[in-house]
Structure formats: structure tokens, C-alpha cells
PDB file of N, CA and C in Angstrom:
ATOM      1  N   MET A   1     120.838  86.153 -89.922  1.00  0.00           N
ATOM      2  CA  MET A   1     122.187  86.247 -90.422  1.00  0.00           C
ATOM      3  C   MET A   1     122.207  85.743 -91.849  1.00  0.00           C
ATOM      4  N   SER A   2     122.887  86.488 -92.687  1.00  0.00           N
ATOM      5  CA  SER A   2     122.970  86.085 -94.089  1.00  0.00           C
ATOM      6  C   SER A   2     124.074  85.058 -94.276  1.00  0.00           C
ATOM      7  N   LYS A   3     124.132  84.493 -95.493  1.00  0.00           N
ATOM      8  CA  LYS A   3     125.147  83.475 -95.770  1.00  0.00           C
ATOM      9  C   LYS A   3     126.547  84.063 -95.712  1.00  0.00           C
ATOM     10  N   THR A   4     126.694  85.332 -96.084  1.00  0.00           N
ATOM     11  CA  THR A   4     128.032  85.942 -96.101  1.00  0.00           C
ATOM     12  C   THR A   4     128.377  86.596 -94.771  1.00  0.00           C
ATOM     13  N   GLY A   5     127.418  86.671 -93.870  1.00  0.00           N
ATOM     14  CA  GLY A   5     127.653  87.355 -92.600  1.00  0.00           C
ATOM     15  C   GLY A   5     128.199  86.426 -91.541  1.00  0.00           C
ATOM     16  N   ARG A   6     128.588  87.029 -90.449  1.00  0.00           N
ATOM     17  CA  ARG A   6     129.046  86.253 -89.314  1.00  0.00           C
ATOM     18  C   ARG A   6     128.669  87.005 -88.044  1.00  0.00           C
ATOM     19  N   THR A   7     128.672  86.312 -86.930  1.00  0.00           N
ATOM     20  CA  THR A   7     128.317  86.919 -85.658  1.00  0.00           C
ATOM     21  C   THR A   7     129.592  87.287 -84.916  1.00  0.00           C
ATOM     22  N   VAL A   8     129.633  88.518 -84.413  1.00  0.00           N
ATOM     23  CA  VAL A   8     130.795  88.978 -83.662  1.00  0.00           C
ATOM     24  C   VAL A   8     130.383  89.180 -82.212  1.00  0.00           C
ATOM     25  N   ALA A   9     131.322  89.586 -81.381  1.00  0.00           N
ATOM     26  CA  ALA A   9     131.052  89.789 -79.959  1.00  0.00           C
ATOM     27  C   ALA A   9     129.869  90.722 -79.774  1.00  0.00           C
ATOM     28  N   GLY A  10     129.022  90.397 -78.850  1.00  0.00           N
ATOM     29  CA  GLY A  10     127.847  91.208 -78.588  1.00  0.00           C
ATOM     30  C   GLY A  10     126.656  90.787 -79.413  1.00  0.00           C
ATOM     31  N   GLY A  11     126.790  89.760 -80.240  1.00  0.00           N
ATOM     32  CA  GLY A  11     125.674  89.257 -81.018  1.00  0.00           C
ATOM     33  C   GLY A  11     125.385  90.031 -82.281  1.00  0.00           C
ATOM     34  N   PHE A  12     126.277  90.929 -82.702  1.00  0.00           N
ATOM     35  CA  PHE A  12     126.064  91.676 -83.932  1.00  0.00           C
ATOM     36  C   PHE A  12     126.272  90.768 -85.130  1.00  0.00           C
ATOM     37  N   SER A  13     125.438  90.928 -86.107  1.00  0.00           N
ATOM     38  CA  SER A  13     125.613  90.182 -87.347  1.00  0.00           C
ATOM     39  C   SER A  13     126.080  91.164 -88.408  1.00  0.00           C
ATOM     40  N   VAL A  14     127.270  90.942 -88.919  1.00  0.00           N
ATOM     41  CA  VAL A  14     127.820  91.846 -89.923  1.00  0.00           C
ATOM     42  C   VAL A  14     128.231  91.049 -91.138  1.00  0.00           C
ATOM     43  N   SER A  15     128.134  91.683 -92.263  1.00  0.00           N
ATOM     44  CA  SER A  15     128.606  91.038 -93.483  1.00  0.00           C
ATOM     45  C   SER A  15     129.988  91.574 -93.808  1.00  0.00           C
ATOM     46  N   ALA A  16     130.668  90.883 -94.679  1.00  0.00           N
ATOM     47  CA  ALA A  16     132.018  91.285 -95.039  1.00  0.00           C
ATOM     48  C   ALA A  16     131.984  92.644 -95.721  1.00  0.00           C
ATOM     49  N   GLY A  17     133.050  93.401 -95.549  1.00  0.00           N
ATOM     50  CA  GLY A  17     133.147  94.674 -96.248  1.00  0.00           C
ATOM     51  C   GLY A  17     132.890  95.861 -95.349  1.00  0.00           C
ATOM     52  N   ARG A  18     132.092  96.783 -95.878  1.00  0.00           N
ATOM     53  CA  ARG A  18     131.870  98.071 -95.252  1.00  0.00           C
ATOM     54  C   ARG A  18     131.208  97.979 -93.875  1.00  0.00           C
ATOM     55  N   ASN A  19     130.218  97.140 -93.702  1.00  0.00           N
ATOM     56  CA  ASN A  19     129.496  97.059 -92.433  1.00  0.00           C
ATOM     57  C   ASN A  19     130.404  96.639 -91.285  1.00  0.00           C
ATOM     58  N   ARG A  20     131.332  95.759 -91.572  1.00  0.00           N
ATOM     59  CA  ARG A  20     132.235  95.304 -90.523  1.00  0.00           C
ATOM     60  C   ARG A  20     133.083  96.467 -90.006  1.00  0.00           C
ATOM     61  N   SER A  21     133.611  97.276 -90.881  1.00  0.00           N
ATOM     62  CA  SER A  21     134.423  98.407 -90.445  1.00  0.00           C
ATOM     63  C   SER A  21     133.567  99.438 -89.715  1.00  0.00           C
ATOM     64  N   LEU A  22     132.304  99.564 -90.078  1.00  0.00           N
ATOM     65  CA  LEU A  22     131.410 100.491 -89.405  1.00  0.00           C
ATOM     66  C   LEU A  22     131.184 100.055 -87.963  1.00  0.00           C
ATOM     67  N   VAL A  23     130.955  98.764 -87.754  1.00  0.00           N
ATOM     68  CA  VAL A  23     130.759  98.260 -86.400  1.00  0.00           C
ATOM     69  C   VAL A  23     132.036  98.422 -85.592  1.00  0.00           C
ATOM     70  N   CYS A  24     133.178  98.128 -86.183  1.00  0.00           N
ATOM     71  CA  CYS A  24     134.450  98.275 -85.474  1.00  0.00           C
ATOM     72  C   CYS A  24     134.698  99.732 -85.109  1.00  0.00           C
ATOM     73  N   CYS A  25     134.428 100.640 -86.025  1.00  0.00           N
ATOM     74  CA  CYS A  25     134.631 102.059 -85.737  1.00  0.00           C
ATOM     75  C   CYS A  25     133.685 102.528 -84.648  1.00  0.00           C
ATOM     76  N   THR A  26     132.464 102.050 -84.664  1.00  0.00           N
ATOM     77  CA  THR A  26     131.516 102.420 -83.625  1.00  0.00           C
ATOM     78  C   THR A  26     131.989 101.880 -82.282  1.00  0.00           C
ATOM     79  N   TRP A  27     132.448 100.645 -82.255  1.00  0.00           N
ATOM     80  CA  TRP A  27     132.947 100.045 -81.024  1.00  0.00           C
ATOM     81  C   TRP A  27     134.176 100.799 -80.519  1.00  0.00           C
ATOM     82  N   VAL A  28     135.054 101.172 -81.428  1.00  0.00           N
ATOM     83  CA  VAL A  28     136.254 101.920 -81.044  1.00  0.00           C
ATOM     84  C   VAL A  28     135.867 103.279 -80.479  1.00  0.00           C
ATOM     85  N   SER A  29     134.903 103.939 -81.091  1.00  0.00           N
ATOM     86  CA  SER A  29     134.495 105.253 -80.585  1.00  0.00           C
ATOM     87  C   SER A  29     133.835 105.130 -79.212  1.00  0.00           C
ATOM     88  N   VAL A  30     133.094 104.051 -78.991  1.00  0.00           N
ATOM     89  CA  VAL A  30     132.501 103.829 -77.668  1.00  0.00           C
ATOM     90  C   VAL A  30     133.602 103.608 -76.636  1.00  0.00           C
ATOM     91  N   MET A  31     134.608 102.844 -76.999  1.00  0.00           N
ATOM     92  CA  MET A  31     135.722 102.600 -76.081  1.00  0.00           C
ATOM     93  C   MET A  31     136.489 103.890 -75.792  1.00  0.00           C
ATOM     94  N   ARG A  32     136.690 104.720 -76.807  1.00  0.00           N
ATOM     95  CA  ARG A  32     137.372 106.003 -76.591  1.00  0.00           C
ATOM     96  C   ARG A  32     136.569 106.883 -75.649  1.00  0.00           C
ATOM     97  N   TRP A  33     135.249 106.940 -75.870  1.00  0.00           N
ATOM     98  CA  TRP A  33     134.384 107.745 -75.008  1.00  0.00           C
ATOM     99  C   TRP A  33     134.432 107.217 -73.578  1.00  0.00           C
ATOM    100  N   THR A  34     134.413 105.899 -73.425  1.00  0.00           N
ATOM    101  CA  THR A  34     134.455 105.295 -72.096  1.00  0.00           C
ATOM    102  C   THR A  34     135.765 105.622 -71.389  1.00  0.00           C
ATOM    103  N   LYS A  35     136.874 105.550 -72.109  1.00  0.00           N
ATOM    104  CA  LYS A  35     138.169 105.892 -71.509  1.00  0.00           C
ATOM    105  C   LYS A  35     138.199 107.344 -71.059  1.00  0.00           C
ATOM    106  N   LYS A  36     137.698 108.248 -71.904  1.00  0.00           N
ATOM    107  CA  LYS A  36     137.673 109.666 -71.535  1.00  0.00           C
ATOM    108  C   LYS A  36     136.791 109.885 -70.312  1.00  0.00           C
ATOM    109  N   PHE A  37     135.642 109.222 -70.291  1.00  0.00           N
ATOM    110  CA  PHE A  37     134.717 109.365 -69.173  1.00  0.00           C
ATOM    111  C   PHE A  37     135.353 108.866 -67.879  1.00  0.00           C
ATOM    112  N   LEU A  38     135.982 107.698 -67.926  1.00  0.00           N
ATOM    113  CA  LEU A  38     136.609 107.142 -66.726  1.00  0.00           C
ATOM    114  C   LEU A  38     137.791 107.991 -66.264  1.00  0.00           C
ATOM    115  N   LYS A  39     138.546 108.551 -67.198  1.00  0.00           N
ATOM    116  CA  LYS A  39     139.628 109.457 -66.815  1.00  0.00           C
ATOM    117  C   LYS A  39     139.061 110.684 -66.108  1.00  0.00           C
ATOM    118  N   GLY A  40     137.941 111.197 -66.606  1.00  0.00           N
ATOM    119  CA  GLY A  40     137.297 112.334 -65.960  1.00  0.00           C
ATOM    120  C   GLY A  40     136.826 112.001 -64.559  1.00  0.00           C
ATOM    121  N   VAL A  41     136.264 110.808 -64.386  1.00  0.00           N
ATOM    122  CA  VAL A  41     135.814 110.378 -63.058  1.00  0.00           C
ATOM    123  C   VAL A  41     137.006 110.277 -62.108  1.00  0.00           C
ATOM    124  N   ILE A  42     138.106 109.721 -62.583  1.00  0.00           N
ATOM    125  CA  ILE A  42     139.299 109.589 -61.740  1.00  0.00           C
ATOM    126  C   ILE A  42     139.841 110.967 -61.361  1.00  0.00           C
ATOM    127  N   VAL A  43     139.854 111.892 -62.306  1.00  0.00           N
ATOM    128  CA  VAL A  43     140.324 113.250 -62.013  1.00  0.00           C
ATOM    129  C   VAL A  43     139.428 113.906 -60.965  1.00  0.00           C
ATOM    130  N   LEU A  44     138.110 113.755 -61.101  1.00  0.00           N
ATOM    131  CA  LEU A  44     137.196 114.327 -60.109  1.00  0.00           C
ATOM    132  C   LEU A  44     137.402 113.702 -58.733  1.00  0.00           C
ATOM    133  N   GLU A  45     137.614 112.398 -58.684  1.00  0.00           N
ATOM    134  CA  GLU A  45     137.883 111.723 -57.415  1.00  0.00           C
ATOM    135  C   GLU A  45     139.158 112.268 -56.768  1.00  0.00           C
ATOM    136  N   LEU A  46     140.203 112.423 -57.560  1.00  0.00           N
ATOM    137  CA  LEU A  46     141.460 112.946 -57.022  1.00  0.00           C
ATOM    138  C   LEU A  46     141.303 114.381 -56.527  1.00  0.00           C
ATOM    139  N   LEU A  47     140.563 115.198 -57.272  1.00  0.00           N
ATOM    140  CA  LEU A  47     140.306 116.568 -56.819  1.00  0.00           C
ATOM    141  C   LEU A  47     139.549 116.568 -55.494  1.00  0.00           C
ATOM    142  N   GLY A  48     138.593 115.676 -55.357  1.00  0.00           N
ATOM    143  CA  GLY A  48     137.846 115.566 -54.102  1.00  0.00           C
ATOM    144  C   GLY A  48     138.729 115.157 -52.936  1.00  0.00           C
ATOM    145  N   VAL A  49     139.603 114.190 -53.162  1.00  0.00           N
ATOM    146  CA  VAL A  49     140.505 113.732 -52.096  1.00  0.00           C
ATOM    147  C   VAL A  49     141.463 114.847 -51.696  1.00  0.00           C
ATOM    148  N   PHE A  50     142.075 115.509 -52.680  1.00  0.00           N
ATOM    149  CA  PHE A  50     142.999 116.594 -52.356  1.00  0.00           C
ATOM    150  C   PHE A  50     142.274 117.775 -51.714  1.00  0.00           C
ATOM    151  N   GLY A  51     141.056 118.056 -52.148  1.00  0.00           N
ATOM    152  CA  GLY A  51     140.278 119.123 -51.529  1.00  0.00           C
ATOM    153  C   GLY A  51     139.940 118.813 -50.083  1.00  0.00           C
ATOM    154  N   ALA A  52     139.532 117.573 -49.816  1.00  0.00           N
ATOM    155  CA  ALA A  52     139.217 117.176 -48.442  1.00  0.00           C
ATOM    156  C   ALA A  52     140.466 117.234 -47.565  1.00  0.00           C
ATOM    157  N   TYR A  53     141.595 116.787 -48.111  1.00  0.00           N
ATOM    158  CA  TYR A  53     142.836 116.839 -47.331  1.00  0.00           C
ATOM    159  C   TYR A  53     143.239 118.284 -47.036  1.00  0.00           C
ATOM    160  N   SER A  54     143.130 119.160 -48.031  1.00  0.00           N
ATOM    161  CA  SER A  54     143.527 120.554 -47.796  1.00  0.00           C
ATOM    162  C   SER A  54     142.595 121.218 -46.784  1.00  0.00           C
ATOM    163  N   LEU A  55     141.302 120.892 -46.826  1.00  0.00           N
ATOM    164  CA  LEU A  55     140.364 121.429 -45.837  1.00  0.00           C
ATOM    165  C   LEU A  55     140.729 120.936 -44.441  1.00  0.00           C
ATOM    166  N   PHE A  56     141.022 119.641 -44.320  1.00  0.00           N
ATOM    167  CA  PHE A  56     141.441 119.098 -43.025  1.00  0.00           C
ATOM    168  C   PHE A  56     142.725 119.769 -42.543  1.00  0.00           C
ATOM    169  N   HIS A  57     143.678 119.945 -43.439  1.00  0.00           N
ATOM    170  CA  HIS A  57     144.959 120.557 -43.078  1.00  0.00           C
ATOM    171  C   HIS A  57     144.757 121.990 -42.579  1.00  0.00           C
ATOM    172  N   MET A  58     143.909 122.745 -43.261  1.00  0.00           N
ATOM    173  CA  MET A  58     143.651 124.127 -42.845  1.00  0.00           C
ATOM    174  C   MET A  58     142.947 124.164 -41.493  1.00  0.00           C
ATOM    175  N   MET A  59     141.978 123.267 -41.290  1.00  0.00           N
ATOM    176  CA  MET A  59     141.284 123.238 -40.003  1.00  0.00           C
ATOM    177  C   MET A  59     142.213 122.758 -38.892  1.00  0.00           C
ATOM    178  N   ASN A  60     143.117 121.868 -39.208  1.00  0.00           N
ATOM    179  CA  ASN A  60     144.023 121.319 -38.205  1.00  0.00           C
ATOM    180  C   ASN A  60     145.052 122.349 -37.752  1.00  0.00           C
ATOM    181  N   ASN A  61     145.389 123.305 -38.607  1.00  0.00           N
ATOM    182  CA  ASN A  61     146.461 124.251 -38.302  1.00  0.00           C
ATOM    183  C   ASN A  61     145.992 125.637 -37.879  1.00  0.00           C
ATOM    184  N   SER A  62     144.731 125.976 -38.061  1.00  0.00           N
ATOM    185  CA  SER A  62     144.304 127.353 -37.808  1.00  0.00           C
ATOM    186  C   SER A  62     143.012 127.395 -36.988  1.00  0.00           C
ATOM    187  N   ARG A  63     143.123 127.940 -35.782  1.00  0.00           N
ATOM    188  CA  ARG A  63     141.937 128.095 -34.938  1.00  0.00           C
ATOM    189  C   ARG A  63     140.985 129.138 -35.545  1.00  0.00           C
ATOM    190  N   ASP A  64     141.533 130.173 -36.188  1.00  0.00           N
ATOM    191  CA  ASP A  64     140.679 131.177 -36.829  1.00  0.00           C
ATOM    192  C   ASP A  64     139.863 130.557 -37.959  1.00  0.00           C
ATOM    193  N   PHE A  65     140.491 129.673 -38.723  1.00  0.00           N
ATOM    194  CA  PHE A  65     139.752 129.002 -39.795  1.00  0.00           C
ATOM    195  C   PHE A  65     138.670 128.097 -39.216  1.00  0.00           C
ATOM    196  N   ARG A  66     138.980 127.436 -38.085  1.00  0.00           N
ATOM    197  CA  ARG A  66     137.951 126.606 -37.436  1.00  0.00           C
ATOM    198  C   ARG A  66     136.800 127.474 -36.945  1.00  0.00           C
ATOM    199  N   ASN A  67     137.093 128.693 -36.488  1.00  0.00           N
ATOM    200  CA  ASN A  67     136.034 129.605 -36.069  1.00  0.00           C
ATOM    201  C   ASN A  67     135.159 129.991 -37.257  1.00  0.00           C
ATOM    202  N   THR A  68     135.788 130.252 -38.397  1.00  0.00           N
ATOM    203  CA  THR A  68     135.027 130.549 -39.616  1.00  0.00           C
ATOM    204  C   THR A  68     134.157 129.362 -40.006  1.00  0.00           C
ATOM    205  N   MET A  69     134.732 128.163 -39.927  1.00  0.00           N
ATOM    206  CA  MET A  69     133.956 126.961 -40.247  1.00  0.00           C
ATOM    207  C   MET A  69     132.818 126.773 -39.249  1.00  0.00           C
ATOM    208  N   ASN A  70     133.041 127.153 -37.994  1.00  0.00           N
ATOM    209  CA  ASN A  70     131.999 127.036 -36.979  1.00  0.00           C
ATOM    210  C   ASN A  70     130.820 127.949 -37.298  1.00  0.00           C
ATOM    211  N   ARG A  71     131.115 129.126 -37.816  1.00  0.00           N
ATOM    212  CA  ARG A  71     130.040 130.055 -38.170  1.00  0.00           C
ATOM    213  C   ARG A  71     129.329 129.655 -39.455  1.00  0.00           C
ATOM    214  N   ARG A  72     130.086 129.195 -40.451  1.00  0.00           N
ATOM    215  CA  ARG A  72     129.504 128.930 -41.771  1.00  0.00           C
ATOM    216  C   ARG A  72     129.035 127.494 -41.961  1.00  0.00           C
ATOM    217  N   PHE A  73     129.845 126.536 -41.544  1.00  0.00           N
ATOM    218  CA  PHE A  73     129.546 125.116 -41.765  1.00  0.00           C
ATOM    219  C   PHE A  73     129.806 124.321 -40.489  1.00  0.00           C
ATOM    220  N   PRO A  74     128.947 124.463 -39.491  1.00  0.00           N
ATOM    221  CA  PRO A  74     129.217 123.778 -38.218  1.00  0.00           C
ATOM    222  C   PRO A  74     129.226 122.252 -38.330  1.00  0.00           C
ATOM    223  N   SER A  75     128.498 121.695 -39.268  1.00  0.00           N
ATOM    224  CA  SER A  75     128.485 120.235 -39.395  1.00  0.00           C
ATOM    225  C   SER A  75     129.839 119.707 -39.874  1.00  0.00           C
ATOM    226  N   ILE A  76     130.513 120.458 -40.736  1.00  0.00           N
ATOM    227  CA  ILE A  76     131.838 120.033 -41.204  1.00  0.00           C
ATOM    228  C   ILE A  76     132.839 120.108 -40.058  1.00  0.00           C
ATOM    229  N   LEU A  77     132.744 121.149 -39.244  1.00  0.00           N
ATOM    230  CA  LEU A  77     133.637 121.260 -38.091  1.00  0.00           C
ATOM    231  C   LEU A  77     133.379 120.130 -37.102  1.00  0.00           C
ATOM    232  N   GLU A  78     132.137 119.746 -36.941  1.00  0.00           N
ATOM    233  CA  GLU A  78     131.803 118.627 -36.055  1.00  0.00           C
ATOM    234  C   GLU A  78     132.440 117.329 -36.547  1.00  0.00           C
ATOM    235  N   VAL A  79     132.435 117.113 -37.852  1.00  0.00           N
ATOM    236  CA  VAL A  79     133.096 115.929 -38.419  1.00  0.00           C
ATOM    237  C   VAL A  79     134.594 115.992 -38.148  1.00  0.00           C
ATOM    238  N   PHE A  80     135.174 117.171 -38.253  1.00  0.00           N
ATOM    239  CA  PHE A  80     136.603 117.340 -37.949  1.00  0.00           C
ATOM    240  C   PHE A  80     136.895 116.960 -36.501  1.00  0.00           C
ATOM    241  N   TYR A  81     136.085 117.483 -35.570  1.00  0.00           N
ATOM    242  CA  TYR A  81     136.293 117.159 -34.157  1.00  0.00           C
ATOM    243  C   TYR A  81     136.130 115.660 -33.907  1.00  0.00           C
ATOM    244  N   GLN A  82     135.091 115.070 -34.477  1.00  0.00           N
ATOM    245  CA  GLN A  82     134.835 113.647 -34.251  1.00  0.00           C
ATOM    246  C   GLN A  82     135.937 112.777 -34.840  1.00  0.00           C
ATOM    247  N   SER A  83     136.436 113.136 -36.018  1.00  0.00           N
ATOM    248  CA  SER A  83     137.499 112.328 -36.622  1.00  0.00           C
ATOM    249  C   SER A  83     138.781 112.413 -35.803  1.00  0.00           C
ATOM    250  N   ASN A  84     139.067 113.584 -35.239  1.00  0.00           N
ATOM    251  CA  ASN A  84     140.243 113.703 -34.374  1.00  0.00           C
ATOM    252  C   ASN A  84     140.066 112.908 -33.089  1.00  0.00           C
ATOM    253  N   GLU A  85     138.877 112.960 -32.502  1.00  0.00           N
ATOM    254  CA  GLU A  85     138.630 112.186 -31.288  1.00  0.00           C
ATOM    255  C   GLU A  85     138.701 110.692 -31.573  1.00  0.00           C
ATOM    256  N   TRP A  86     138.213 110.281 -32.729  1.00  0.00           N
ATOM    257  CA  TRP A  86     138.290 108.871 -33.111  1.00  0.00           C
ATOM    258  C   TRP A  86     139.747 108.436 -33.275  1.00  0.00           C
ATOM    259  N   ALA A  87     140.592 109.374 -33.745  1.00  0.00           N
ATOM    260  CA  ALA A  87     142.011 109.070 -33.939  1.00  0.00           C
ATOM    261  C   ALA A  87     142.808 109.192 -32.639  1.00  0.00           C
ATOM    262  N   GLY A  88     142.152 109.602 -31.548  1.00  0.00           N
ATOM    263  CA  GLY A  88     142.837 109.681 -30.265  1.00  0.00           C
ATOM    264  C   GLY A  88     143.355 111.057 -29.912  1.00  0.00           C
ATOM    265  N   VAL A  89     142.974 112.077 -30.674  1.00  0.00           N
ATOM    266  CA  VAL A  89     143.398 113.453 -30.393  1.00  0.00           C
ATOM    267  C   VAL A  89     142.224 114.154 -29.713  1.00  0.00           C
ATOM    268  N   TYR A  90     142.357 114.368 -28.405  1.00  0.00           N
ATOM    269  CA  TYR A  90     141.265 114.949 -27.627  1.00  0.00           C
ATOM    270  C   TYR A  90     141.604 116.372 -27.212  1.00  0.00           C
ATOM    271  N   GLY A  91     140.572 117.163 -26.934  1.00  0.00           N
ATOM    272  CA  GLY A  91     140.752 118.483 -26.361  1.00  0.00           C
ATOM    273  C   GLY A  91     140.723 119.641 -27.339  1.00  0.00           C
ATOM    274  N   ILE A  92     140.694 119.385 -28.619  1.00  0.00           N
ATOM    275  CA  ILE A  92     140.689 120.485 -29.595  1.00  0.00           C
ATOM    276  C   ILE A  92     139.398 121.286 -29.470  1.00  0.00           C
ATOM    277  N   ARG A  93     138.289 120.591 -29.382  1.00  0.00           N
ATOM    278  CA  ARG A  93     136.988 121.256 -29.281  1.00  0.00           C
ATOM    279  C   ARG A  93     136.941 122.155 -28.041  1.00  0.00           C
ATOM    280  N   GLU A  94     137.386 121.624 -26.905  1.00  0.00           N
ATOM    281  CA  GLU A  94     137.325 122.373 -25.652  1.00  0.00           C
ATOM    282  C   GLU A  94     138.238 123.598 -25.694  1.00  0.00           C
ATOM    283  N   ARG A  95     139.455 123.428 -26.220  1.00  0.00           N
ATOM    284  CA  ARG A  95     140.378 124.573 -26.321  1.00  0.00           C
ATOM    285  C   ARG A  95     139.831 125.643 -27.263  1.00  0.00           C
ATOM    286  N   ASP A  96     139.194 125.211 -28.355  1.00  0.00           N
ATOM    287  CA  ASP A  96     138.596 126.182 -29.278  1.00  0.00           C
ATOM    288  C   ASP A  96     137.489 126.968 -28.593  1.00  0.00           C
ATOM    289  N   HIS A  97     136.607 126.276 -27.877  1.00  0.00           N
ATOM    290  CA  HIS A  97     135.500 126.972 -27.209  1.00  0.00           C
ATOM    291  C   HIS A  97     136.020 127.928 -26.137  1.00  0.00           C
ATOM    292  N   GLU A  98     137.067 127.525 -25.422  1.00  0.00           N
ATOM    293  CA  GLU A  98     137.660 128.421 -24.424  1.00  0.00           C
ATOM    294  C   GLU A  98     138.254 129.662 -25.089  1.00  0.00           C
ATOM    295  N   ALA A  99     138.979 129.475 -26.174  1.00  0.00           N
ATOM    296  CA  ALA A  99     139.611 130.606 -26.867  1.00  0.00           C
ATOM    297  C   ALA A  99     138.557 131.525 -27.473  1.00  0.00           C
ATOM    298  N   TRP A 100     137.514 130.958 -28.051  1.00  0.00           N
ATOM    299  CA  TRP A 100     136.483 131.782 -28.677  1.00  0.00           C
ATOM    300  C   TRP A 100     135.673 132.539 -27.630  1.00  0.00           C
ATOM    301  N   SER A 101     135.392 131.915 -26.495  1.00  0.00           N
ATOM    302  CA  SER A 101     134.634 132.619 -25.459  1.00  0.00           C
ATOM    303  C   SER A 101     135.498 133.708 -24.818  1.00  0.00           C
ATOM    304  N   ALA A 102     136.803 133.481 -24.664  1.00  0.00           N
ATOM    305  CA  ALA A 102     137.695 134.511 -24.124  1.00  0.00           C
ATOM    306  C   ALA A 102     137.827 135.677 -25.099  1.00  0.00           C
ATOM    307  N   LYS A 103     137.784 135.391 -26.377  1.00  0.00           N
ATOM    308  CA  LYS A 103     137.895 136.436 -27.398  1.00  0.00           C
ATOM    309  C   LYS A 103     136.652 137.326 -27.412  1.00  0.00           C
ATOM    310  N   GLN A 104     135.483 136.759 -27.114  1.00  0.00           N
ATOM    311  CA  GLN A 104     134.235 137.531 -27.125  1.00  0.00           C
ATOM    312  C   GLN A 104     134.112 138.417 -25.895  1.00  0.00           C
ATOM    313  N   ASP A 105     134.766 138.050 -24.795  1.00  0.00           N
ATOM    314  CA  ASP A 105     134.647 138.830 -23.549  1.00  0.00           C
ATOM    315  C   ASP A 105     135.379 140.125 -23.598  1.00  0.00           C
TER     316      ASP A 105
END
């Protein structure tokens, strides 16, 4: 550290004048980037939550959609059945299998 310099947060040594504003501008730009990044993460999280809810809502209301999910993504349908059974809603799986087997006959 020089005689005219001083230490700021983070251990940076800056001298009076131009260098100080450069460090501040760099710090401000890092903070702006961080805010934008965190806002993007929050938006992605919200999209994921709303997407999961809409998928659950569609599976909860439509046996045909559950049949499509059974053909394409059986593991997701299994999670749907298990979450309903965990919540105390029983019999959806059995009624679906009965309806689907009657439809094939």
C-alpha cells in the first residue's frame, strides 16, 4: 500500500482519484450482474413451481391426460399416485386401471 492509498472492503488497496472510482464501478457492475442473475434464478424457480402445479392440476382433472402420462412418462404418473396416497386420497390408480382396461376390451 502506498502512502496515499488506503484499504477498502475486500482488501483492495486503492489510491485517491481515478483508481478508486474504477474499483467502485467494478464493484457496482458485479452487484448489478448478481442482482440480474438472482432475479433470473427466482423467475426460473417460479416457472418450475407453476409448471409443476399445472401438470398436477391437469393430471388430477383428466383421466385421458393420466393415460397419456402413463404411456409417455410412467414415473411421473407414479409420483402423482404416490403423492395423492400420501395425502390420503386413495383409489385413483385402481379406478384408472379399471377404466383403461374396460376401454381396451
